[in-house]
Every structure is written in C-alpha cells, then in structure tokens.
Amino acid sequence: IICPYLNEAKAVTIEDPFIRASHQVNNFVRFCEAVVKSPTVSRIELVTSYDDKTNLAELNEKFEQITQSLLERDVILEVELNENLHDREIRISNGWTVKIGRGLDFYQKPENWYAVGANDYSHRKCLETKVDIFKSSSSGSGEHQEDPDNDSASIEDPISQMIEGHESGSVEFKSSA
C-alpha cells in the first residue's frame, strides 16, 4: 500500500497505537522494510501507545534493535509513546496521507505456519478494513490541509485506477473468509 506513495519522500510518520505486541512490532518491521526501498527516505517517525500490560523495557529493546538496523541503512528512527493516541495514520513528507482503519495489523493469521502466505504476505488474506489515501499540501502550521486547486493528485496517484469511482480516495478491503 505504501511504496507507490514514497516518491521523493524524505520522511514518513506513522501513528498507530498498537505497535506493542510481538506480531505488531513485526508488522512495523515489515513496514520499515518497505519504506527503506525508497532511496530518498532518511527518517521514520513512529508514534504509538501502550497500556498497563505493556512491558515497556522489552518494547524499548525491540525499538532499539530496529533503530540500529535502520541506521545501518542511513535511516533514523524516532519513537514517541503517547498513551492517548487512538487514530491510525501514515503521513509522508511529499504530501501523501494513508489512513488504514486497522493500522498495520490488517493481515489474517495463516491457517498454519507451513501454509503459503505464512511468510509472503502477498498470499495472505486480509482482515476487513478501510483505506483512505489522499494528497495534501503543507500549510505553514505544520499540519497538512487539502489543496482543492491541486489537480495533480488524481494524475499522480499511483493506484488511481484501483480507486476510480471513489471520490474520497477510499478503498475497502473485505475479508474473503
């Protein structure tokens, strides 16, 4: 979902309150693997949350390992914990925003760990979720705002054919199970 929107991006900010359990951290690593394929990205910012069941020391250790791995690829990882975070959003410095209702946690668990799809997620079923993708321009305030005069958003959108007919740029992924 993210790779087509990374053209000329320097930074990616992901807000997802559920990057704490092992499978969620693994989803974040897969996200980072996709982002580092873009040679222009030099910074990833993660804003996530925690609850009273979260082992913060263990989570910090995992984030340190990811940070070191990304530094070997000249990408800086900044992690911020915000216990009030609720919404999920990916903001890209080139103006694209991707909102995935389930955040990064939209794949179904495979039937077993020896099934096709256990490792290659392109073969794995997805959970039902809604994805909104839109292009915005930076306002001087640091927030992104829609640019109604920007006709190029529909032309530059790498998956515009997929969402043709959806004026909002929304696509719903429904489980086939």
N, C-alpha and C. Protein backbone atom coordinates (compact mmCIF):
# COMPACT_ATOMS: atom_id res chain seq x y z
N ILE A 1 0.83 -1.19 0.00
CA ILE A 1 0.00 0.00 0.00
C ILE A 1 0.88 1.26 0.00
N ILE A 2 1.97 1.27 0.73
CA ILE A 2 2.73 2.49 0.96
C ILE A 2 3.75 2.82 -0.13
N CYS A 3 4.37 1.82 -0.70
CA CYS A 3 5.50 2.04 -1.61
C CYS A 3 5.21 2.98 -2.78
N PRO A 4 4.06 2.90 -3.44
CA PRO A 4 3.83 3.80 -4.58
C PRO A 4 3.78 5.28 -4.20
N TYR A 5 3.64 5.58 -2.92
CA TYR A 5 3.50 6.97 -2.47
C TYR A 5 4.78 7.55 -1.89
N LEU A 6 5.88 6.83 -1.97
CA LEU A 6 7.14 7.28 -1.37
C LEU A 6 8.02 8.09 -2.31
N ASN A 7 7.60 8.31 -3.54
CA ASN A 7 8.41 9.05 -4.50
C ASN A 7 8.81 10.42 -3.94
N GLU A 8 10.12 10.66 -3.87
CA GLU A 8 10.71 11.91 -3.39
C GLU A 8 10.44 12.21 -1.92
N ALA A 9 9.95 11.24 -1.16
CA ALA A 9 9.71 11.44 0.27
C ALA A 9 11.02 11.41 1.03
N LYS A 10 11.15 12.27 2.02
CA LYS A 10 12.32 12.29 2.88
C LYS A 10 12.03 11.67 4.25
N ALA A 11 10.77 11.76 4.67
CA ALA A 11 10.39 11.25 5.98
C ALA A 11 8.99 10.66 5.94
N VAL A 12 8.77 9.70 6.83
CA VAL A 12 7.47 9.06 6.97
C VAL A 12 7.13 9.04 8.45
N THR A 13 5.93 9.51 8.77
CA THR A 13 5.45 9.47 10.15
C THR A 13 4.28 8.52 10.22
N ILE A 14 4.36 7.56 11.12
CA ILE A 14 3.27 6.61 11.30
C ILE A 14 2.75 6.72 12.71
N GLU A 15 1.45 6.92 12.81
CA GLU A 15 0.77 6.93 14.11
C GLU A 15 -0.09 5.69 14.17
N ASP A 16 0.24 4.80 15.08
CA ASP A 16 -0.51 3.57 15.26
C ASP A 16 -0.39 3.19 16.74
N PRO A 17 -1.49 3.25 17.47
CA PRO A 17 -1.41 2.99 18.91
C PRO A 17 -1.11 1.53 19.26
N PHE A 18 -1.15 0.64 18.27
CA PHE A 18 -0.99 -0.78 18.57
C PHE A 18 0.27 -1.36 17.94
N ILE A 19 1.41 -0.78 18.30
CA ILE A 19 2.70 -1.35 17.94
C ILE A 19 3.37 -1.72 19.26
N ARG A 20 2.90 -2.83 19.85
CA ARG A 20 3.42 -3.24 21.15
C ARG A 20 3.56 -4.75 21.30
N ALA A 21 2.59 -5.51 20.80
CA ALA A 21 2.71 -6.98 20.84
C ALA A 21 3.72 -7.42 19.78
N SER A 22 4.26 -8.60 19.94
CA SER A 22 5.31 -9.08 19.02
C SER A 22 4.88 -9.05 17.56
N HIS A 23 3.68 -9.54 17.26
CA HIS A 23 3.25 -9.55 15.86
C HIS A 23 3.06 -8.13 15.32
N GLN A 24 2.69 -7.19 16.19
CA GLN A 24 2.53 -5.80 15.78
C GLN A 24 3.88 -5.15 15.51
N VAL A 25 4.87 -5.46 16.33
CA VAL A 25 6.23 -4.96 16.10
C VAL A 25 6.76 -5.56 14.80
N ASN A 26 6.48 -6.84 14.56
CA ASN A 26 6.88 -7.47 13.29
C ASN A 26 6.23 -6.78 12.10
N ASN A 27 4.96 -6.39 12.23
CA ASN A 27 4.29 -5.64 11.17
C ASN A 27 5.01 -4.31 10.93
N PHE A 28 5.46 -3.67 12.00
CA PHE A 28 6.18 -2.41 11.86
C PHE A 28 7.53 -2.63 11.16
N VAL A 29 8.20 -3.73 11.47
CA VAL A 29 9.47 -4.04 10.79
C VAL A 29 9.21 -4.23 9.30
N ARG A 30 8.14 -4.94 8.94
CA ARG A 30 7.80 -5.11 7.52
C ARG A 30 7.52 -3.76 6.87
N PHE A 31 6.85 -2.88 7.60
CA PHE A 31 6.59 -1.52 7.11
C PHE A 31 7.92 -0.81 6.85
N CYS A 32 8.85 -0.89 7.79
CA CYS A 32 10.17 -0.26 7.63
C CYS A 32 10.91 -0.85 6.43
N GLU A 33 10.80 -2.17 6.25
CA GLU A 33 11.44 -2.81 5.10
C GLU A 33 10.90 -2.25 3.79
N ALA A 34 9.61 -1.98 3.74
CA ALA A 34 9.02 -1.39 2.53
C ALA A 34 9.50 0.04 2.34
N VAL A 35 9.57 0.81 3.42
CA VAL A 35 9.95 2.22 3.34
C VAL A 35 11.41 2.38 2.90
N VAL A 36 12.31 1.55 3.41
CA VAL A 36 13.73 1.72 3.08
C VAL A 36 14.04 1.37 1.62
N LYS A 37 13.08 0.80 0.91
CA LYS A 37 13.27 0.58 -0.52
C LYS A 37 13.29 1.89 -1.29
N SER A 38 12.77 2.94 -0.68
CA SER A 38 12.81 4.26 -1.29
C SER A 38 14.14 4.92 -0.92
N PRO A 39 14.98 5.24 -1.89
CA PRO A 39 16.31 5.77 -1.58
C PRO A 39 16.30 7.19 -1.00
N THR A 40 15.17 7.89 -1.07
CA THR A 40 15.13 9.27 -0.58
C THR A 40 14.72 9.38 0.88
N VAL A 41 14.12 8.34 1.44
CA VAL A 41 13.66 8.39 2.83
C VAL A 41 14.84 8.24 3.78
N SER A 42 14.97 9.21 4.68
CA SER A 42 16.07 9.18 5.64
C SER A 42 15.58 9.19 7.09
N ARG A 43 14.25 9.27 7.28
CA ARG A 43 13.73 9.32 8.66
C ARG A 43 12.34 8.67 8.72
N ILE A 44 12.15 7.84 9.73
CA ILE A 44 10.85 7.26 10.04
C ILE A 44 10.53 7.66 11.47
N GLU A 45 9.34 8.21 11.64
CA GLU A 45 8.87 8.58 12.98
C GLU A 45 7.68 7.70 13.33
N LEU A 46 7.74 7.04 14.47
CA LEU A 46 6.65 6.20 14.95
C LEU A 46 6.08 6.82 16.21
N VAL A 47 4.78 7.03 16.20
CA VAL A 47 4.06 7.45 17.40
C VAL A 47 3.13 6.30 17.73
N THR A 48 3.29 5.71 18.91
CA THR A 48 2.48 4.57 19.31
C THR A 48 2.06 4.73 20.76
N SER A 49 1.34 3.78 21.27
CA SER A 49 0.80 3.88 22.61
C SER A 49 1.16 2.64 23.42
N TYR A 50 0.68 2.58 24.62
CA TYR A 50 0.91 1.43 25.49
C TYR A 50 -0.23 1.36 26.49
N ASP A 51 -0.32 0.23 27.18
CA ASP A 51 -1.30 0.09 28.25
C ASP A 51 -0.60 -0.52 29.46
N ASP A 52 -1.35 -0.81 30.49
CA ASP A 52 -0.73 -1.32 31.72
C ASP A 52 -0.17 -2.73 31.57
N LYS A 53 -0.52 -3.42 30.48
CA LYS A 53 0.01 -4.76 30.23
C LYS A 53 1.29 -4.73 29.39
N THR A 54 1.67 -3.56 28.88
CA THR A 54 2.83 -3.44 28.00
C THR A 54 4.11 -3.50 28.82
N ASN A 55 5.03 -4.37 28.43
CA ASN A 55 6.34 -4.43 29.04
C ASN A 55 7.20 -3.39 28.32
N LEU A 56 7.29 -2.19 28.89
CA LEU A 56 7.97 -1.08 28.23
C LEU A 56 9.46 -1.34 28.03
N ALA A 57 10.10 -2.05 28.95
CA ALA A 57 11.53 -2.35 28.79
C ALA A 57 11.75 -3.27 27.60
N GLU A 58 10.90 -4.28 27.46
CA GLU A 58 11.01 -5.20 26.32
C GLU A 58 10.70 -4.48 25.01
N LEU A 59 9.68 -3.63 25.03
CA LEU A 59 9.31 -2.87 23.83
C LEU A 59 10.44 -1.93 23.43
N ASN A 60 11.05 -1.26 24.41
CA ASN A 60 12.17 -0.37 24.14
C ASN A 60 13.34 -1.13 23.53
N GLU A 61 13.60 -2.32 24.02
CA GLU A 61 14.69 -3.14 23.47
C GLU A 61 14.43 -3.48 22.00
N LYS A 62 13.18 -3.81 21.67
CA LYS A 62 12.83 -4.11 20.28
C LYS A 62 13.01 -2.88 19.40
N PHE A 63 12.57 -1.73 19.89
CA PHE A 63 12.72 -0.50 19.11
C PHE A 63 14.19 -0.12 18.94
N GLU A 64 15.02 -0.41 19.94
CA GLU A 64 16.46 -0.15 19.82
C GLU A 64 17.08 -1.02 18.72
N GLN A 65 16.66 -2.27 18.65
CA GLN A 65 17.16 -3.16 17.61
C GLN A 65 16.74 -2.69 16.22
N ILE A 66 15.49 -2.24 16.10
CA ILE A 66 15.02 -1.70 14.82
C ILE A 66 15.79 -0.44 14.48
N THR A 67 16.01 0.42 15.47
CA THR A 67 16.76 1.67 15.27
C THR A 67 18.15 1.38 14.72
N GLN A 68 18.85 0.42 15.33
CA GLN A 68 20.20 0.07 14.87
C GLN A 68 20.18 -0.48 13.46
N SER A 69 19.22 -1.32 13.16
CA SER A 69 19.11 -1.90 11.83
C SER A 69 18.86 -0.81 10.78
N LEU A 70 18.01 0.15 11.10
CA LEU A 70 17.72 1.24 10.16
C LEU A 70 18.92 2.16 10.00
N LEU A 71 19.67 2.40 11.09
CA LEU A 71 20.86 3.25 10.99
C LEU A 71 21.88 2.66 10.03
N GLU A 72 21.95 1.33 9.95
CA GLU A 72 22.85 0.68 9.00
C GLU A 72 22.45 0.97 7.56
N ARG A 73 21.24 1.46 7.38
CA ARG A 73 20.74 1.83 6.05
C ARG A 73 20.56 3.34 5.93
N ASP A 74 21.21 4.08 6.84
CA ASP A 74 21.17 5.55 6.87
C ASP A 74 19.77 6.11 7.04
N VAL A 75 18.95 5.42 7.82
CA VAL A 75 17.60 5.88 8.12
C VAL A 75 17.49 6.03 9.64
N ILE A 76 17.03 7.18 10.08
CA ILE A 76 16.86 7.47 11.50
C ILE A 76 15.46 7.09 11.92
N LEU A 77 15.34 6.38 13.03
CA LEU A 77 14.03 6.06 13.60
C LEU A 77 13.84 6.85 14.88
N GLU A 78 12.74 7.57 14.95
CA GLU A 78 12.35 8.27 16.18
C GLU A 78 11.05 7.65 16.67
N VAL A 79 11.02 7.27 17.95
CA VAL A 79 9.83 6.65 18.52
C VAL A 79 9.30 7.52 19.63
N GLU A 80 8.01 7.79 19.59
CA GLU A 80 7.35 8.57 20.64
C GLU A 80 6.19 7.75 21.19
N LEU A 81 6.09 7.65 22.49
CA LEU A 81 4.97 6.97 23.12
C LEU A 81 3.95 8.02 23.56
N ASN A 82 2.70 7.81 23.17
CA ASN A 82 1.62 8.72 23.50
C ASN A 82 0.46 7.87 23.98
N GLU A 83 0.23 7.84 25.28
CA GLU A 83 -0.79 6.95 25.84
C GLU A 83 -2.21 7.35 25.46
N ASN A 84 -2.41 8.53 24.87
CA ASN A 84 -3.73 9.00 24.47
C ASN A 84 -4.02 8.78 22.99
N LEU A 85 -3.08 8.22 22.25
CA LEU A 85 -3.23 8.04 20.81
C LEU A 85 -4.34 7.04 20.51
N HIS A 86 -5.15 7.35 19.50
CA HIS A 86 -6.22 6.45 19.11
C HIS A 86 -6.23 6.19 17.60
N ASP A 87 -6.17 7.24 16.80
CA ASP A 87 -6.29 7.10 15.35
C ASP A 87 -5.01 6.56 14.74
N ARG A 88 -5.16 6.01 13.54
CA ARG A 88 -4.03 5.45 12.80
C ARG A 88 -3.87 6.24 11.52
N GLU A 89 -2.62 6.63 11.23
CA GLU A 89 -2.37 7.45 10.06
C GLU A 89 -0.90 7.35 9.67
N ILE A 90 -0.64 7.37 8.37
CA ILE A 90 0.73 7.43 7.85
C ILE A 90 0.83 8.71 7.05
N ARG A 91 1.72 9.61 7.47
CA ARG A 91 1.95 10.87 6.76
C ARG A 91 3.32 10.83 6.10
N ILE A 92 3.34 11.17 4.84
CA ILE A 92 4.58 11.13 4.07
C ILE A 92 4.96 12.57 3.74
N SER A 93 6.24 12.89 3.83
CA SER A 93 6.69 14.27 3.67
C SER A 93 6.41 14.87 2.30
N ASN A 94 6.06 14.05 1.32
CA ASN A 94 5.73 14.57 -0.01
C ASN A 94 4.26 14.96 -0.14
N GLY A 95 3.51 14.89 0.97
CA GLY A 95 2.12 15.34 0.97
C GLY A 95 1.08 14.24 0.99
N TRP A 96 1.47 12.99 0.78
CA TRP A 96 0.50 11.90 0.80
C TRP A 96 0.19 11.50 2.23
N THR A 97 -1.07 11.13 2.47
CA THR A 97 -1.51 10.59 3.75
C THR A 97 -2.26 9.30 3.47
N VAL A 98 -1.95 8.27 4.24
CA VAL A 98 -2.61 6.98 4.12
C VAL A 98 -3.23 6.67 5.47
N LYS A 99 -4.54 6.49 5.49
CA LYS A 99 -5.24 6.13 6.72
C LYS A 99 -5.80 4.72 6.54
N ILE A 100 -5.33 3.82 7.39
CA ILE A 100 -5.78 2.43 7.35
C ILE A 100 -6.53 2.17 8.66
N GLY A 101 -7.80 1.84 8.55
CA GLY A 101 -8.64 1.67 9.74
C GLY A 101 -8.03 0.76 10.79
N ARG A 102 -7.37 -0.31 10.37
CA ARG A 102 -6.77 -1.27 11.30
C ARG A 102 -5.29 -0.99 11.53
N GLY A 103 -4.77 0.11 11.01
CA GLY A 103 -3.33 0.35 11.13
C GLY A 103 -2.56 -0.70 10.35
N LEU A 104 -1.43 -1.11 10.87
CA LEU A 104 -0.60 -2.10 10.18
C LEU A 104 -1.08 -3.54 10.42
N ASP A 105 -2.06 -3.70 11.27
CA ASP A 105 -2.50 -5.02 11.70
C ASP A 105 -3.71 -5.48 10.89
N PHE A 106 -3.56 -5.60 9.56
CA PHE A 106 -4.71 -5.94 8.72
C PHE A 106 -4.59 -7.30 8.04
N TYR A 107 -3.56 -8.07 8.34
CA TYR A 107 -3.44 -9.41 7.77
C TYR A 107 -4.02 -10.46 8.72
N GLN A 108 -4.66 -11.47 8.14
CA GLN A 108 -5.13 -12.58 8.95
C GLN A 108 -3.95 -13.50 9.28
N LYS A 109 -4.05 -14.15 10.40
CA LYS A 109 -3.07 -15.17 10.77
C LYS A 109 -3.23 -16.33 9.79
N PRO A 110 -2.12 -16.92 9.33
CA PRO A 110 -2.26 -18.05 8.40
C PRO A 110 -2.89 -19.25 9.09
N GLU A 111 -3.46 -20.15 8.29
CA GLU A 111 -4.09 -21.35 8.84
C GLU A 111 -3.07 -22.16 9.63
N ASN A 112 -1.84 -22.21 9.13
CA ASN A 112 -0.75 -22.83 9.86
C ASN A 112 0.55 -22.19 9.35
N TRP A 113 1.64 -22.40 10.05
CA TRP A 113 2.90 -21.72 9.73
C TRP A 113 3.67 -22.39 8.59
N TYR A 114 3.07 -23.43 7.99
CA TYR A 114 3.67 -24.08 6.83
C TYR A 114 2.81 -23.89 5.59
N ALA A 115 1.84 -22.99 5.67
CA ALA A 115 0.94 -22.70 4.55
C ALA A 115 1.51 -21.57 3.70
N VAL A 116 1.16 -21.56 2.42
CA VAL A 116 1.54 -20.45 1.55
C VAL A 116 0.91 -19.19 2.15
N GLY A 117 1.70 -18.18 2.33
CA GLY A 117 1.24 -16.95 2.96
C GLY A 117 1.79 -16.77 4.36
N ALA A 118 2.38 -17.82 4.91
CA ALA A 118 2.96 -17.69 6.25
C ALA A 118 4.10 -16.67 6.25
N ASN A 119 4.88 -16.63 5.15
CA ASN A 119 5.99 -15.69 5.07
C ASN A 119 5.79 -14.61 4.01
N ASP A 120 5.16 -14.95 2.91
CA ASP A 120 4.92 -13.99 1.83
C ASP A 120 3.51 -13.44 2.00
N TYR A 121 3.44 -12.23 2.54
CA TYR A 121 2.15 -11.65 2.89
C TYR A 121 1.29 -11.32 1.68
N SER A 122 1.85 -11.32 0.48
CA SER A 122 1.03 -11.07 -0.70
C SER A 122 0.08 -12.24 -0.94
N HIS A 123 0.31 -13.38 -0.26
CA HIS A 123 -0.56 -14.53 -0.38
C HIS A 123 -1.47 -14.69 0.83
N ARG A 124 -1.40 -13.75 1.75
CA ARG A 124 -2.17 -13.88 2.99
C ARG A 124 -3.49 -13.11 2.87
N LYS A 125 -4.54 -13.65 3.46
CA LYS A 125 -5.83 -12.98 3.48
C LYS A 125 -5.75 -11.77 4.40
N CYS A 126 -6.55 -10.75 4.07
CA CYS A 126 -6.61 -9.53 4.88
C CYS A 126 -7.88 -9.50 5.70
N LEU A 127 -7.80 -8.82 6.82
CA LEU A 127 -8.98 -8.53 7.61
C LEU A 127 -9.71 -7.36 6.96
N GLU A 128 -10.99 -7.27 7.17
CA GLU A 128 -11.75 -6.17 6.58
C GLU A 128 -11.31 -4.84 7.19
N THR A 129 -11.04 -3.88 6.34
CA THR A 129 -10.64 -2.55 6.79
C THR A 129 -10.90 -1.55 5.69
N LYS A 130 -10.78 -0.30 6.02
CA LYS A 130 -10.98 0.78 5.06
C LYS A 130 -9.66 1.54 4.94
N VAL A 131 -9.28 1.88 3.71
CA VAL A 131 -8.04 2.62 3.46
C VAL A 131 -8.40 3.92 2.75
N ASP A 132 -7.99 5.03 3.31
CA ASP A 132 -8.15 6.35 2.68
C ASP A 132 -6.78 6.86 2.30
N ILE A 133 -6.62 7.28 1.05
CA ILE A 133 -5.35 7.81 0.56
C ILE A 133 -5.64 9.15 -0.07
N PHE A 134 -4.93 10.19 0.38
CA PHE A 134 -5.15 11.49 -0.22
C PHE A 134 -3.88 12.31 -0.21
N LYS A 135 -3.83 13.26 -1.11
CA LYS A 135 -2.67 14.15 -1.24
C LYS A 135 -3.07 15.50 -0.66
N SER A 136 -2.19 16.07 0.11
CA SER A 136 -2.43 17.37 0.70
C SER A 136 -1.19 18.22 0.54
N SER A 137 -1.34 19.49 0.82
CA SER A 137 -0.18 20.37 0.76
C SER A 137 0.08 20.91 2.15
N SER A 138 1.30 21.24 2.42
CA SER A 138 1.68 21.73 3.74
C SER A 138 1.20 23.16 3.92
N SER A 139 0.56 23.43 5.05
CA SER A 139 0.22 24.81 5.40
C SER A 139 1.31 25.28 6.34
N GLY A 140 1.62 26.44 6.50
CA GLY A 140 2.73 26.89 7.33
C GLY A 140 2.68 26.41 8.76
N SER A 141 1.52 25.87 9.21
CA SER A 141 1.36 25.48 10.61
C SER A 141 1.94 24.11 10.93
N GLY A 142 2.45 23.41 9.91
CA GLY A 142 2.99 22.09 10.16
C GLY A 142 1.95 21.01 9.97
N GLU A 143 0.67 21.40 9.81
CA GLU A 143 -0.37 20.42 9.54
C GLU A 143 -0.62 20.36 8.05
N HIS A 144 -1.12 19.23 7.60
CA HIS A 144 -1.45 19.09 6.19
C HIS A 144 -2.90 19.49 5.98
N GLN A 145 -3.17 20.18 4.89
CA GLN A 145 -4.51 20.57 4.53
C GLN A 145 -4.76 20.17 3.09
N GLU A 146 -6.02 19.85 2.78
CA GLU A 146 -6.36 19.51 1.41
C GLU A 146 -6.13 20.72 0.52
N ASP A 147 -5.64 20.50 -0.68
CA ASP A 147 -5.40 21.56 -1.64
C ASP A 147 -6.40 21.41 -2.78
N PRO A 148 -7.53 22.17 -2.74
CA PRO A 148 -8.56 22.00 -3.75
C PRO A 148 -8.11 22.41 -5.14
N ASP A 149 -7.05 23.21 -5.26
CA ASP A 149 -6.55 23.66 -6.56
C ASP A 149 -5.55 22.69 -7.16
N ASN A 150 -5.22 21.62 -6.45
CA ASN A 150 -4.22 20.68 -6.91
C ASN A 150 -4.87 19.59 -7.75
N ASP A 151 -4.87 19.77 -9.07
CA ASP A 151 -5.44 18.78 -9.98
C ASP A 151 -4.51 17.59 -10.12
N SER A 152 -3.25 17.74 -9.74
CA SER A 152 -2.28 16.67 -9.99
C SER A 152 -2.47 15.47 -9.08
N ALA A 153 -3.21 15.61 -7.97
CA ALA A 153 -3.37 14.48 -7.06
C ALA A 153 -3.97 13.27 -7.77
N SER A 154 -4.97 13.50 -8.60
CA SER A 154 -5.57 12.35 -9.28
C SER A 154 -4.67 11.82 -10.37
N ILE A 155 -3.84 12.67 -10.96
CA ILE A 155 -2.93 12.24 -12.01
C ILE A 155 -1.74 11.50 -11.42
N GLU A 156 -1.20 12.00 -10.29
CA GLU A 156 -0.01 11.41 -9.69
C GLU A 156 -0.32 10.17 -8.86
N ASP A 157 -1.57 9.96 -8.52
CA ASP A 157 -1.93 8.86 -7.65
C ASP A 157 -1.63 7.52 -8.31
N PRO A 158 -0.65 6.77 -7.78
CA PRO A 158 -0.23 5.51 -8.40
C PRO A 158 -1.30 4.45 -8.47
N ILE A 159 -2.31 4.52 -7.62
CA ILE A 159 -3.34 3.49 -7.70
C ILE A 159 -4.70 4.11 -8.01
N SER A 160 -4.69 5.21 -8.74
CA SER A 160 -5.96 5.88 -9.05
C SER A 160 -6.90 4.98 -9.82
N GLN A 161 -6.37 4.10 -10.66
CA GLN A 161 -7.24 3.18 -11.39
C GLN A 161 -7.96 2.24 -10.43
N MET A 162 -7.28 1.85 -9.37
CA MET A 162 -7.88 0.93 -8.42
C MET A 162 -9.05 1.59 -7.68
N ILE A 163 -8.93 2.88 -7.41
CA ILE A 163 -9.96 3.55 -6.64
C ILE A 163 -10.85 4.44 -7.50
N GLU A 164 -10.75 4.28 -8.82
CA GLU A 164 -11.57 5.08 -9.72
C GLU A 164 -13.03 4.90 -9.33
N GLY A 165 -13.75 5.99 -9.29
CA GLY A 165 -15.15 5.93 -8.91
C GLY A 165 -15.37 6.17 -7.43
N HIS A 166 -14.30 6.23 -6.66
CA HIS A 166 -14.40 6.55 -5.24
C HIS A 166 -13.86 7.96 -5.06
N GLU A 167 -14.75 8.95 -5.02
CA GLU A 167 -14.31 10.34 -4.97
C GLU A 167 -13.41 10.64 -3.78
N SER A 168 -13.65 9.98 -2.66
CA SER A 168 -12.87 10.28 -1.46
C SER A 168 -11.50 9.64 -1.49
N GLY A 169 -11.26 8.75 -2.44
CA GLY A 169 -9.99 8.03 -2.45
C GLY A 169 -10.00 6.88 -1.46
N SER A 170 -11.19 6.39 -1.13
CA SER A 170 -11.32 5.29 -0.16
C SER A 170 -11.43 3.97 -0.87
N VAL A 171 -10.84 2.98 -0.29
CA VAL A 171 -10.96 1.61 -0.77
C VAL A 171 -11.27 0.75 0.44
N GLU A 172 -12.21 -0.16 0.30
CA GLU A 172 -12.47 -1.07 1.40
C GLU A 172 -11.91 -2.44 1.06
N PHE A 173 -11.13 -3.00 1.98
CA PHE A 173 -10.62 -4.35 1.83
C PHE A 173 -11.50 -5.23 2.68
N LYS A 174 -12.12 -6.22 2.07
CA LYS A 174 -13.00 -7.11 2.80
C LYS A 174 -12.41 -8.50 2.85
N SER A 175 -12.61 -9.12 3.95
CA SER A 175 -12.11 -10.48 4.13
C SER A 175 -12.83 -11.42 3.19
N SER A 176 -12.07 -12.33 2.61
CA SER A 176 -12.68 -13.31 1.75
C SER A 176 -13.02 -14.58 2.53
N ALA A 177 -12.79 -14.53 3.81
CA ALA A 177 -13.09 -15.71 4.64
C ALA A 177 -14.39 -15.51 5.38
